[in-house]
Protein backbone atom coordinates (compact mmCIF):
# COMPACT_ATOMS: atom_id res chain seq x y z
CA UNK A 1 -97.90 6.51 62.85
CA UNK A 2 -95.72 6.47 59.96
CA UNK A 3 -92.62 8.80 59.66
CA UNK A 4 -93.02 11.78 57.71
CA UNK A 5 -90.95 10.33 54.76
CA UNK A 6 -92.83 7.30 54.49
CA UNK A 7 -95.95 7.93 52.19
CA UNK A 8 -98.03 6.11 49.72
CA UNK A 9 -97.17 5.73 46.08
CA UNK A 10 -100.11 8.23 45.28
CA UNK A 11 -98.71 10.65 47.73
CA UNK A 12 -95.41 10.48 46.32
CA UNK A 13 -96.73 11.10 42.69
CA UNK A 14 -98.21 14.26 44.01
CA UNK A 15 -94.71 15.70 44.62
CA UNK A 16 -94.05 15.98 40.97
CA UNK A 17 -94.96 19.31 39.24
CA UNK A 18 -95.59 20.34 35.80
CA UNK A 19 -92.56 20.92 33.87
CA UNK A 20 -90.15 18.85 36.13
CA UNK A 21 -87.42 17.21 34.97
CA UNK A 22 -87.55 13.74 36.26
CA UNK A 23 -84.57 11.36 36.56
CA UNK A 24 -85.37 7.69 36.31
CA UNK A 25 -83.32 4.23 36.65
CA UNK A 26 -83.85 0.83 35.81
CA UNK A 27 -82.91 -1.72 33.05
CA UNK A 28 -84.87 -4.10 30.90
CA UNK A 29 -86.78 -6.97 32.77
CA UNK A 30 -87.51 -4.98 35.72
CA UNK A 31 -83.90 -4.46 36.89
CA UNK A 32 -84.02 -2.04 39.52
CA UNK A 33 -87.21 -0.53 38.44
CA UNK A 34 -89.69 1.42 40.67
CA UNK A 35 -92.56 0.10 38.83
CA UNK A 36 -95.08 0.74 41.72
CA UNK A 37 -94.08 4.35 41.40
CA UNK A 38 -94.25 4.43 37.90
CA UNK A 39 -97.82 2.99 37.84
CA UNK A 40 -98.92 5.64 40.54
CA UNK A 41 -97.55 8.58 38.34
CA UNK A 42 -99.29 7.10 35.25
CA UNK A 43 -102.57 6.66 37.13
CA UNK A 44 -102.42 10.14 38.34
CA UNK A 45 -101.92 11.72 35.08
CA UNK A 46 -104.70 9.63 33.51
CA UNK A 47 -106.88 10.66 36.31
CA UNK A 48 -106.18 14.30 36.56
CA UNK A 49 -104.19 14.97 33.38
CA UNK A 50 -101.31 16.10 35.91
CA UNK A 51 -98.34 16.49 35.95
CA UNK A 52 -97.80 17.70 32.46
CA UNK A 53 -94.95 18.45 30.03
CA UNK A 54 -92.18 16.50 31.98
CA UNK A 55 -88.60 16.03 30.93
CA UNK A 56 -87.74 12.39 31.83
CA UNK A 57 -84.11 11.23 31.37
CA UNK A 58 -82.87 7.52 31.92
CA UNK A 59 -79.60 6.01 30.93
CA UNK A 60 -80.75 2.40 30.11
CA UNK A 61 -83.78 0.67 28.67
CA UNK A 62 -86.67 0.29 31.21
CA UNK A 63 -89.98 -1.66 30.29
CA UNK A 64 -91.24 -4.87 28.76
CA UNK A 65 -92.20 -3.56 25.49
CA UNK A 66 -95.95 -3.44 26.67
CA UNK A 67 -97.12 -1.70 29.63
CA UNK A 68 -94.36 -1.34 32.29
CA UNK A 69 -91.59 1.03 32.73
CA UNK A 70 -91.27 3.83 30.07
CA UNK A 71 -94.66 2.70 28.78
CA UNK A 72 -95.96 4.29 31.90
CA UNK A 73 -94.89 7.59 30.73
CA UNK A 74 -95.70 7.35 27.04
CA UNK A 75 -98.80 9.45 27.10
CA UNK A 76 -99.04 12.69 25.09
CA UNK A 77 -99.00 15.58 27.34
CA UNK A 78 -97.42 13.88 30.34
CA UNK A 79 -93.96 13.94 28.73
CA UNK A 80 -92.61 16.81 26.61
CA UNK A 81 -88.89 15.74 26.50
CA UNK A 82 -87.44 12.36 26.53
CA UNK A 83 -83.54 11.97 26.96
CA UNK A 84 -83.23 8.28 26.90
CA UNK A 85 -80.30 6.03 26.66
CA UNK A 86 -82.02 3.07 25.22
CA UNK A 87 -85.77 3.18 23.84
CA UNK A 88 -86.56 -0.50 22.43
CA UNK A 89 -88.35 -1.39 25.83
CA UNK A 90 -91.14 1.40 25.35
CA UNK A 91 -92.81 1.11 21.67
CA UNK A 92 -95.20 3.26 22.78
CA UNK A 93 -92.63 5.97 23.48
CA UNK A 94 -90.96 5.37 20.25
CA UNK A 95 -94.12 6.10 18.42
CA UNK A 96 -94.53 9.30 20.26
CA UNK A 97 -91.12 10.14 18.89
CA UNK A 98 -91.89 9.34 15.49
CA UNK A 99 -94.95 11.12 15.41
CA UNK A 100 -93.26 14.34 16.83
CA UNK A 101 -95.39 14.32 19.76
CA UNK A 102 -92.18 14.72 22.07
CA UNK A 103 -88.73 15.96 21.85
CA UNK A 104 -86.58 13.00 21.49
CA UNK A 105 -83.06 12.60 22.45
CA UNK A 106 -80.34 10.20 23.22
CA UNK A 107 -77.07 10.20 25.44
CA UNK A 108 -74.67 7.47 25.73
CA UNK A 109 -75.66 5.29 28.85
CA UNK A 110 -72.45 5.84 30.81
CA UNK A 111 -72.52 9.50 29.88
CA UNK A 112 -76.02 9.78 31.36
CA UNK A 113 -75.04 8.31 34.49
CA UNK A 114 -71.85 10.06 34.94
CA UNK A 115 -73.69 13.41 34.01
CA UNK A 116 -75.80 12.94 37.02
CA UNK A 117 -72.83 12.67 39.17
CA UNK A 118 -71.35 16.06 37.70
CA UNK A 119 -74.47 17.77 38.20
CA UNK A 120 -74.89 16.54 41.95
CA UNK A 121 -71.15 17.88 42.43
CA UNK A 122 -72.19 21.29 40.88
CA UNK A 123 -69.56 20.91 38.28
CA UNK A 124 -69.99 22.27 34.77
CA UNK A 125 -71.13 19.25 32.95
CA UNK A 126 -69.33 16.03 31.78
CA UNK A 127 -65.99 16.60 29.86
CA UNK A 128 -65.31 13.47 28.02
CA UNK A 129 -64.13 12.16 24.61
CA UNK A 130 -66.91 9.54 24.65
CA UNK A 131 -69.43 10.53 21.62
CA UNK A 132 -66.84 12.25 19.68
CA UNK A 133 -67.69 11.65 15.93
CA UNK A 134 -71.24 9.72 16.78
CA UNK A 135 -74.69 11.04 16.77
CA UNK A 136 -73.87 12.67 20.24
CA UNK A 137 -71.47 14.95 18.73
CA UNK A 138 -73.39 18.32 17.79
CA UNK A 139 -71.61 18.35 14.46
CA UNK A 140 -73.49 15.01 13.86
CA UNK A 141 -76.85 15.49 15.59
CA UNK A 142 -76.23 16.61 19.08
CA UNK A 143 -78.27 13.77 20.20
CA UNK A 144 -81.40 14.93 18.42
CA UNK A 145 -83.52 12.05 17.32
CA UNK A 146 -86.69 13.91 15.68
CA UNK A 147 -87.41 17.45 14.12
CA UNK A 148 -89.23 18.43 17.73
CA UNK A 149 -85.93 18.08 19.08
CA UNK A 150 -84.01 21.46 18.70
CA UNK A 151 -81.15 21.65 21.50
CA UNK A 152 -77.83 19.96 21.34
CA UNK A 153 -77.17 18.43 24.64
CA UNK A 154 -73.46 18.77 24.16
CA UNK A 155 -70.77 21.02 22.90
CA UNK A 156 -67.20 20.70 21.46
CA UNK A 157 -64.40 21.78 23.46
CA UNK A 158 -60.76 21.95 22.99
CA UNK A 159 -58.00 21.28 25.92
CA UNK A 160 -54.45 20.79 25.47
CA UNK A 161 -54.93 20.69 21.83
CA UNK A 162 -57.71 17.88 22.19
CA UNK A 163 -61.17 17.80 21.35
CA UNK A 164 -63.79 16.67 24.00
CA UNK A 165 -67.39 16.92 24.31
CA UNK A 166 -69.09 18.87 27.19
CA UNK A 167 -72.40 17.44 28.09
CA UNK A 168 -74.36 20.15 29.21
CA UNK A 169 -75.65 19.92 32.95
CA UNK A 170 -79.23 20.84 34.09
CA UNK A 171 -81.17 20.58 37.08
CA UNK A 172 -83.00 17.36 38.43
CA UNK A 173 -86.36 18.15 40.00
CA UNK A 174 -87.32 14.60 41.03
CA UNK A 175 -85.11 11.51 41.10
CA UNK A 176 -87.24 8.18 41.43
CA UNK A 177 -85.00 5.46 42.81
CA UNK A 178 -85.44 1.62 43.64
CA UNK A 179 -83.68 -0.04 46.59
CA UNK A 180 -84.39 -2.69 48.87
CA UNK A 181 -84.89 -1.39 52.38
CA UNK A 182 -85.22 1.83 54.40
CA UNK A 183 -84.81 2.16 58.05
CA UNK A 184 -86.99 4.28 60.02
CA UNK A 185 -84.59 7.36 59.54
CA UNK A 186 -84.51 6.86 55.71
CA UNK A 187 -81.25 5.30 55.31
CA UNK A 188 -81.24 3.19 52.02
CA UNK A 189 -79.79 -0.43 51.26
CA UNK A 190 -79.35 -2.33 48.11
CA UNK A 191 -78.85 -5.32 49.59
CA UNK A 192 -81.35 -7.47 47.62
CA UNK A 193 -80.81 -5.90 44.46
CA UNK A 194 -79.33 -7.61 41.37
CA UNK A 195 -77.39 -4.38 40.32
CA UNK A 196 -76.62 -0.94 41.75
CA UNK A 197 -76.89 1.08 38.40
CA UNK A 198 -76.90 4.86 38.71
CA UNK A 199 -78.96 5.29 42.05
CA UNK A 200 -76.46 7.16 43.92
CA UNK A 201 -75.60 9.79 41.17
CA UNK A 202 -79.34 10.11 40.28
CA UNK A 203 -80.06 10.88 43.84
CA UNK A 204 -77.14 13.04 44.39
CA UNK A 205 -78.02 15.18 41.13
CA UNK A 206 -81.77 15.74 42.53
CA UNK A 207 -80.75 16.36 46.22
CA UNK A 208 -78.17 19.29 45.00
CA UNK A 209 -80.64 20.75 42.62
CA UNK A 210 -82.71 21.51 45.43
CA UNK A 211 -85.09 18.87 44.04
CA UNK A 212 -86.73 15.53 45.70
CA UNK A 213 -85.38 11.96 46.05
CA UNK A 214 -88.27 9.72 45.92
CA UNK A 215 -87.19 5.93 46.68
CA UNK A 216 -89.28 2.79 46.30
CA UNK A 217 -88.28 0.00 48.58
CA UNK A 218 -89.58 -3.52 49.77
CA UNK A 219 -88.88 -3.43 53.24
CA UNK A 220 -89.14 -0.64 56.03
CA UNK A 221 -86.59 -1.42 58.89
CA UNK A 222 -86.53 -0.31 62.44
CA UNK A 223 -84.05 2.46 63.33
CA UNK A 224 -80.55 0.98 63.73
CA UNK A 225 -81.16 -2.15 61.65
CA UNK A 226 -78.78 -1.27 58.90
CA UNK A 227 -75.03 -1.30 59.28
CA UNK A 228 -73.37 1.98 58.11
CA UNK A 229 -71.53 -0.08 55.28
CA UNK A 230 -74.83 -1.30 54.18
CA UNK A 231 -76.30 2.17 53.45
CA UNK A 232 -75.87 3.32 49.83
CA UNK A 233 -78.00 6.27 50.15
CA UNK A 234 -77.82 8.49 53.32
CA UNK A 235 -81.14 9.40 54.78
CA UNK A 236 -80.03 13.03 54.42
CA UNK A 237 -80.32 12.71 50.53
CA UNK A 238 -83.74 11.20 50.72
CA UNK A 239 -87.28 12.99 50.75
CA UNK A 240 -89.81 10.37 50.44
CA UNK A 241 -90.06 6.75 50.73
CA UNK A 242 -92.80 4.35 49.34
CA UNK A 243 -92.85 0.75 50.43
CA UNK A 244 -93.92 -1.88 47.94
CA UNK A 245 -94.14 -5.29 49.56
CA UNK A 246 -94.74 -6.99 46.18
CA UNK A 247 -91.61 -5.68 44.74
CA UNK A 248 -89.87 -8.14 42.48
CA UNK A 249 -86.12 -8.81 41.53
CA UNK A 250 -87.46 -8.79 38.01
CA UNK A 251 -90.91 -8.99 36.34
CA UNK A 252 -91.03 -12.58 36.65
CA UNK A 253 -88.68 -13.49 39.83
CA UNK A 254 -90.04 -12.37 43.15
CA UNK A 255 -86.41 -12.98 44.65
CA UNK A 256 -83.28 -14.76 44.04
CA UNK A 257 -80.19 -14.41 46.25
CA UNK A 258 -77.81 -15.69 43.53
CA UNK A 259 -78.85 -12.33 41.34
CA UNK A 260 -78.19 -10.27 44.52
CA UNK A 261 -74.79 -11.93 45.49
CA UNK A 262 -76.19 -12.97 48.75
CA UNK A 263 -75.88 -16.71 48.11
CA UNK A 264 -73.51 -18.69 45.73
CA UNK A 265 -75.21 -21.65 43.82
CA UNK A 266 -78.42 -22.68 41.92
CA UNK A 267 -81.31 -20.97 43.72
CA UNK A 268 -84.18 -20.93 41.25
CA UNK A 269 -87.16 -19.66 43.05
CA UNK A 270 -89.52 -18.91 40.41
CA UNK A 271 -90.11 -19.05 36.58
CA UNK A 272 -87.45 -21.91 36.54
CA UNK A 273 -88.23 -22.61 33.05
CA UNK A 274 -87.37 -19.09 31.88
CA UNK A 275 -84.41 -18.77 33.97
CA UNK A 276 -83.14 -22.38 32.62
CA UNK A 277 -83.58 -21.32 29.04
CA UNK A 278 -81.50 -18.17 29.54
CA UNK A 279 -78.54 -20.23 31.18
CA UNK A 280 -78.79 -23.12 28.67
CA UNK A 281 -75.28 -23.36 26.86
CA UNK A 282 -74.17 -22.85 23.34
CA UNK A 283 -73.90 -26.66 22.87
CA UNK A 284 -77.55 -27.24 23.88
CA UNK A 285 -78.73 -24.33 21.74
CA UNK A 286 -80.30 -24.89 18.49
CA UNK A 287 -77.39 -24.50 15.76
CA UNK A 288 -77.97 -21.45 13.52
CA UNK A 289 -76.18 -18.68 11.95
CA UNK A 290 -76.23 -16.97 15.35
CA UNK A 291 -73.95 -20.33 16.49
CA UNK A 292 -71.68 -19.82 13.59
CA UNK A 293 -70.89 -16.17 14.21
CA UNK A 294 -70.74 -16.71 18.01
CA UNK A 295 -67.92 -19.72 17.25
CA UNK A 296 -66.13 -17.48 14.99
CA UNK A 297 -66.07 -14.56 17.40
CA UNK A 298 -64.95 -16.71 20.27
CA UNK A 299 -61.58 -17.41 18.45
CA UNK A 300 -60.85 -13.72 18.99
CA UNK A 301 -61.10 -14.11 22.56
CA UNK A 302 -57.77 -15.07 23.50
CA UNK A 303 -55.82 -13.70 20.55
CA UNK A 304 -54.61 -10.81 22.45
CA UNK A 305 -51.42 -10.15 24.67
CA UNK A 306 -53.51 -10.25 27.93
CA UNK A 307 -53.68 -13.50 29.76
CA UNK A 308 -56.90 -12.80 31.47
CA UNK A 309 -58.64 -10.18 29.30
CA UNK A 310 -61.27 -7.82 30.64
CA UNK A 311 -64.27 -8.22 28.26
CA UNK A 312 -68.12 -6.94 27.56
CA UNK A 313 -70.78 -8.47 25.95
CA UNK A 314 -73.87 -6.85 24.23
CA UNK A 315 -77.28 -8.02 23.48
CA UNK A 316 -78.02 -10.29 20.78
CA UNK A 317 -75.36 -12.57 19.10
CA UNK A 318 -72.79 -11.56 21.35
CA UNK A 319 -74.24 -13.19 24.54
CA UNK A 320 -73.98 -16.46 22.53
CA UNK A 321 -70.18 -15.87 22.82
CA UNK A 322 -70.59 -15.68 26.73
CA UNK A 323 -72.53 -19.04 26.50
CA UNK A 324 -70.03 -20.67 24.66
CA UNK A 325 -67.24 -19.55 27.53
CA UNK A 326 -69.79 -21.00 30.06
CA UNK A 327 -70.25 -24.19 28.18
CA UNK A 328 -66.41 -24.79 28.14
CA UNK A 329 -65.96 -23.77 31.63
CA UNK A 330 -63.34 -21.22 30.73
CA UNK A 331 -64.77 -18.25 32.93
CA UNK A 332 -61.59 -18.30 35.06
CA UNK A 333 -59.74 -17.41 31.71
CA UNK A 334 -61.45 -13.66 31.52
CA UNK A 335 -62.68 -10.84 33.61
CA UNK A 336 -66.29 -10.69 32.47
CA UNK A 337 -68.08 -7.26 32.99
CA UNK A 338 -71.20 -5.60 32.05
CA UNK A 339 -72.08 -2.04 32.19
CA UNK A 340 -74.63 -2.30 34.82
CA UNK A 341 -71.63 -2.68 37.10
CA UNK A 342 -71.34 -6.36 37.22
CA UNK A 343 -68.59 -8.54 37.25
CA UNK A 344 -68.39 -12.22 36.77
CA UNK A 345 -71.32 -14.72 37.12
CA UNK A 346 -73.75 -16.38 34.69
CA UNK A 347 -74.90 -13.64 32.22
CA UNK A 348 -78.62 -13.60 31.43
CA UNK A 349 -80.05 -13.04 28.24
CA UNK A 350 -83.29 -11.85 26.67
CA UNK A 351 -85.28 -9.61 28.74
CA UNK A 352 -82.97 -10.62 31.72
CA UNK A 353 -80.01 -8.80 30.26
CA UNK A 354 -78.30 -6.95 32.68
CA UNK A 355 -78.69 -9.59 35.49
CA UNK A 356 -75.78 -12.10 36.42
CA UNK A 357 -76.15 -15.14 38.69
CA UNK A 358 -73.33 -15.48 41.13
CA UNK A 359 -71.50 -12.24 40.22
CA UNK A 360 -68.19 -11.95 42.04
CA UNK A 361 -68.54 -7.84 42.20
CA UNK A 362 -71.08 -5.44 42.00
CA UNK A 363 -70.02 -1.64 41.21
CA UNK A 364 -71.79 1.49 40.51
CA UNK A 365 -72.75 1.96 36.80
CA UNK A 366 -70.73 5.42 36.79
CA UNK A 367 -67.65 3.65 38.43
CA UNK A 368 -67.87 0.78 35.66
CA UNK A 369 -68.26 3.36 32.84
CA UNK A 370 -65.26 5.45 34.37
CA UNK A 371 -63.35 2.22 34.06
CA UNK A 372 -64.42 1.78 30.44
CA UNK A 373 -63.63 5.35 29.51
CA UNK A 374 -60.29 5.17 31.09
CA UNK A 375 -59.16 2.35 28.79
CA UNK A 376 -59.88 -0.71 31.22
CA UNK A 377 -61.58 -2.66 28.54
CA UNK A 378 -59.62 -5.24 26.42
CA UNK A 379 -62.48 -6.83 24.19
CA UNK A 380 -66.03 -5.92 23.63
CA UNK A 381 -68.23 -8.03 21.78
CA UNK A 382 -71.28 -6.27 20.18
CA UNK A 383 -73.97 -6.38 17.84
CA UNK A 384 -74.69 -3.85 14.74
CA UNK A 385 -77.72 -2.97 12.93
CA UNK A 386 -75.85 -1.76 9.90
CA UNK A 387 -72.28 -0.82 9.12
CA UNK A 388 -70.76 1.05 6.08
CA UNK A 389 -67.78 1.38 4.03
CA UNK A 390 -65.88 3.64 6.50
CA UNK A 391 -66.45 1.29 9.35
CA UNK A 392 -69.36 3.11 10.80
CA UNK A 393 -71.84 1.20 13.04
CA UNK A 394 -75.49 2.31 13.58
CA UNK A 395 -77.60 0.67 16.35
CA UNK A 396 -79.32 3.91 17.45
CA UNK A 397 -82.05 4.39 14.75
CA UNK A 398 -83.25 1.89 12.77
CA UNK A 399 -86.14 1.76 10.32
CA UNK A 400 -86.98 5.26 11.38
CA UNK A 401 -87.34 4.48 15.18
CA UNK A 402 -85.39 5.69 17.88
CA UNK A 403 -83.45 2.76 19.29
CA UNK A 404 -80.72 4.61 21.41
CA UNK A 405 -77.30 3.41 22.18
CA UNK A 406 -77.72 2.13 25.88
CA UNK A 407 -73.84 1.73 26.91
CA UNK A 408 -72.90 1.16 23.19
CA UNK A 409 -71.05 4.18 22.77
CA UNK A 410 -69.32 4.08 25.87
CA UNK A 411 -68.10 0.65 25.38
CA UNK A 412 -67.39 0.39 21.48
CA UNK A 413 -65.46 3.47 21.75
CA UNK A 414 -62.93 2.82 24.70
CA UNK A 415 -62.35 -1.11 24.09
CA UNK A 416 -58.85 -1.89 22.70
CA UNK A 417 -60.60 -4.62 20.37
CA UNK A 418 -64.11 -4.24 19.24
CA UNK A 419 -65.71 -7.58 17.72
CA UNK A 420 -69.32 -6.51 16.33
CA UNK A 421 -71.33 -9.72 15.59
CA UNK A 422 -74.49 -9.93 13.56
CA UNK A 423 -75.94 -11.40 10.55
CA UNK A 424 -75.14 -10.36 7.15
CA UNK A 425 -78.82 -9.46 6.01
CA UNK A 426 -82.06 -9.31 7.54
CA UNK A 427 -86.02 -9.92 6.59
CA UNK A 428 -86.47 -13.27 4.45
CA UNK A 429 -83.06 -14.60 4.80
CA UNK A 430 -82.93 -18.70 4.54
CA UNK A 431 -79.43 -20.42 5.14
CA UNK A 432 -78.82 -24.03 5.43
CA UNK A 433 -76.15 -24.46 8.21
CA UNK A 434 -74.09 -27.46 9.42
CA UNK A 435 -72.03 -30.31 8.16
CA UNK A 436 -69.00 -27.69 8.08
CA UNK A 437 -70.40 -25.29 5.50
CA UNK A 438 -72.98 -22.76 4.98
CA UNK A 439 -75.61 -22.31 1.99
CA UNK A 440 -77.79 -19.32 1.09
CA UNK A 441 -81.07 -20.52 0.10
CA UNK A 442 -82.56 -16.87 0.40
CA UNK A 443 -80.56 -13.73 0.40
CA UNK A 444 -82.85 -11.52 2.39
CA UNK A 445 -84.41 -8.26 1.47
CA UNK A 446 -82.67 -5.77 3.95
CA UNK A 447 -79.23 -4.82 3.25
CA UNK A 448 -77.13 -4.30 6.59
CA UNK A 449 -73.77 -3.67 4.83
CA UNK A 450 -74.79 -0.42 3.48
CA UNK A 451 -72.97 2.69 1.41
CA UNK A 452 -73.67 5.11 4.39
CA UNK A 453 -75.12 4.44 7.88
CA UNK A 454 -78.42 6.28 8.84
CA UNK A 455 -76.81 7.33 11.91
CA UNK A 456 -73.20 7.11 13.11
CA UNK A 457 -73.05 5.15 16.99
CA UNK A 458 -69.77 4.02 16.17
CA UNK A 459 -67.29 6.04 14.15
CA UNK A 460 -64.63 4.06 11.92
CA UNK A 461 -62.69 7.00 11.31
CA UNK A 462 -62.59 8.01 15.30
CA UNK A 463 -61.42 4.20 15.86
CA UNK A 464 -58.50 4.83 13.34
CA UNK A 465 -57.44 7.84 15.31
CA UNK A 466 -57.68 5.81 18.64
CA UNK A 467 -55.87 2.81 17.07
CA UNK A 468 -58.42 0.26 17.99
CA UNK A 469 -58.47 -3.07 16.46
CA UNK A 470 -61.96 -3.44 14.73
CA UNK A 471 -63.64 -6.55 13.30
CA UNK A 472 -67.21 -7.27 11.83
CA UNK A 473 -68.01 -10.82 11.80
CA UNK A 474 -70.84 -12.22 10.03
CA UNK A 475 -72.12 -15.75 9.17
CA UNK A 476 -71.02 -15.25 5.46
CA UNK A 477 -67.69 -13.22 5.64
CA UNK A 478 -65.58 -11.41 8.10
CA UNK A 479 -64.31 -7.82 7.83
CA UNK A 480 -61.85 -5.69 9.43
CA UNK A 481 -61.13 -1.93 9.55
CA UNK A 482 -58.21 -0.75 8.12
CA UNK A 483 -56.71 2.73 7.40
CA UNK A 484 -58.29 2.45 4.06
CA UNK A 485 -62.09 1.66 5.10
CA UNK A 486 -63.48 -1.96 5.71
CA UNK A 487 -61.62 -4.94 4.39
CA UNK A 488 -62.78 -8.40 3.60
CA UNK A 489 -60.48 -10.99 4.79
CA UNK A 490 -62.42 -14.28 5.28
CA UNK A 491 -65.60 -16.06 3.77
CA UNK A 492 -67.51 -19.05 5.26
CA UNK A 493 -66.93 -22.47 3.66
CA UNK A 494 -69.81 -23.14 0.99
CA UNK A 495 -70.20 -19.47 0.42
CA UNK A 496 -69.83 -17.94 -3.06
CA UNK A 497 -67.90 -14.58 -2.55
CA UNK A 498 -69.35 -12.81 -5.47
CA UNK A 499 -73.12 -14.21 -5.41
CA UNK A 500 -73.57 -14.40 -1.71
CA UNK A 501 -71.38 -11.36 -0.32
CA UNK A 502 -70.16 -8.85 -2.99
CA UNK A 503 -73.44 -8.52 -4.91
CA UNK A 504 -75.47 -8.46 -1.59
CA UNK A 505 -73.62 -5.42 -0.22
CA UNK A 506 -74.22 -1.96 -0.57
CA UNK A 507 -70.34 -0.83 -0.99
CA UNK A 508 -67.46 -2.44 -2.52
CA UNK A 509 -65.02 -3.57 0.18
CA UNK A 510 -61.37 -3.66 -0.10
CA UNK A 511 -60.38 -7.45 -0.59
CA UNK A 512 -57.54 -8.80 1.35
CA UNK A 513 -54.63 -10.23 -0.68
CA UNK A 514 -55.38 -13.61 0.75
CA UNK A 515 -58.92 -14.32 1.52
CA UNK A 516 -59.06 -17.08 4.21
CA UNK A 517 -61.62 -19.76 4.87
CA UNK A 518 -63.27 -19.85 8.21
CA UNK A 519 -62.81 -22.83 10.31
CA UNK A 520 -65.58 -25.68 9.25
CA UNK A 521 -65.83 -26.51 12.65
CA UNK A 522 -67.79 -23.23 13.22
CA UNK A 523 -70.43 -24.68 11.08
CA UNK A 524 -70.93 -28.15 12.24
CA UNK A 525 -74.06 -29.07 14.03
């Protein structure tokens, strides 16, 4: 006879009522995603049109850009409001937002996970500087991403003469959590997971909102099987448990103990070719402008007064910097972190961003974001969608689509040094690289250096107040943030400054007194 907390996915889905606020967790590629429960909720809605008008909140991106993750919730009528940290893994949800079928909001990923902790503790919201001067500031949009979104999720408060944002609390009626195992009493372990994410905070928020905590696990263990220190969510917090014997580490990998930190070394167990492609070193990656930017960015890594700086990498070009470090066996020279809570190891990229093989530590995401927020991050390598003459960067709304910041705002706003890495232009760009220089064959149809960004995800003026060092590195030219705005200080060999850079920009940058030439080795094949 099953314990009363153990039930089928369909029974767990029935616990959700119309109008509930549902907190989700997970990351791209299936990281800690409760896929079985998501599918059960979708099946119930498609079969019965219940539940309806949900508010769904998630800190990071969840899905595969096709059918999984947030795509399971992307049905008109199922959700009324989405507060998402990162949206790109669900094009269907992006379309609902674009077509005004839902109320679309964003919050910084760290703010989302920390807010859950504050809600669970019964405190009056999250008070933080994170988000000031960005789209999440009520004076800049308040996190609203379409016309249907009417409410500000934050307000400006002044304490001791300083401005902060208070992100407002709200009850969480249902928390859907993913874990590895549950014992007979309902104690929960994360032993085989590739991260912790915000599972604890999410469960706490629902429990103390008089809501329900539903946990999907792979294993149902006998009473007493879990040691006290292995329990990450106690049975007292858990209302329902669903066992999915087919639960995987990622969409493509059934299980890899090197991802969960249980075994050190090469342990490829499935989709070996996919994993290997993600781990290929920069020296083996096909040379391109991405490589040129990464090589230039790498030179900033040890240009600091820290002997072993704490760093963070974003997605896209920045992960090529991580590969250069791995190829040169220089991991011992840095403390590598990602916002999911992981330290060290070999970072995955693409759909597996957020995973690290052979990590040295795994913290809860809210704690990792606390570390960032307090100033613990020395250097951040991040991408950009576009930037403007004031040094503002947009990654959260591009081409009219809601993208969301993920952990970008929490990271970019708090790192002592921020190195934005990205291509100079987009759509139709043709470049010839190698032999120590770069030649532009086709300029590209989309400007990324614009007079004014569509949305501020990183505030240049706020960075000046915080005295951050900020660089914007492209394959053609390098820029830095000064008290007078963006300044061009370096160009690539083979590039014509006027034709290939200044004439292709949407604003006129300040020019350094002495414009340097990038190291030609960055452009060698």
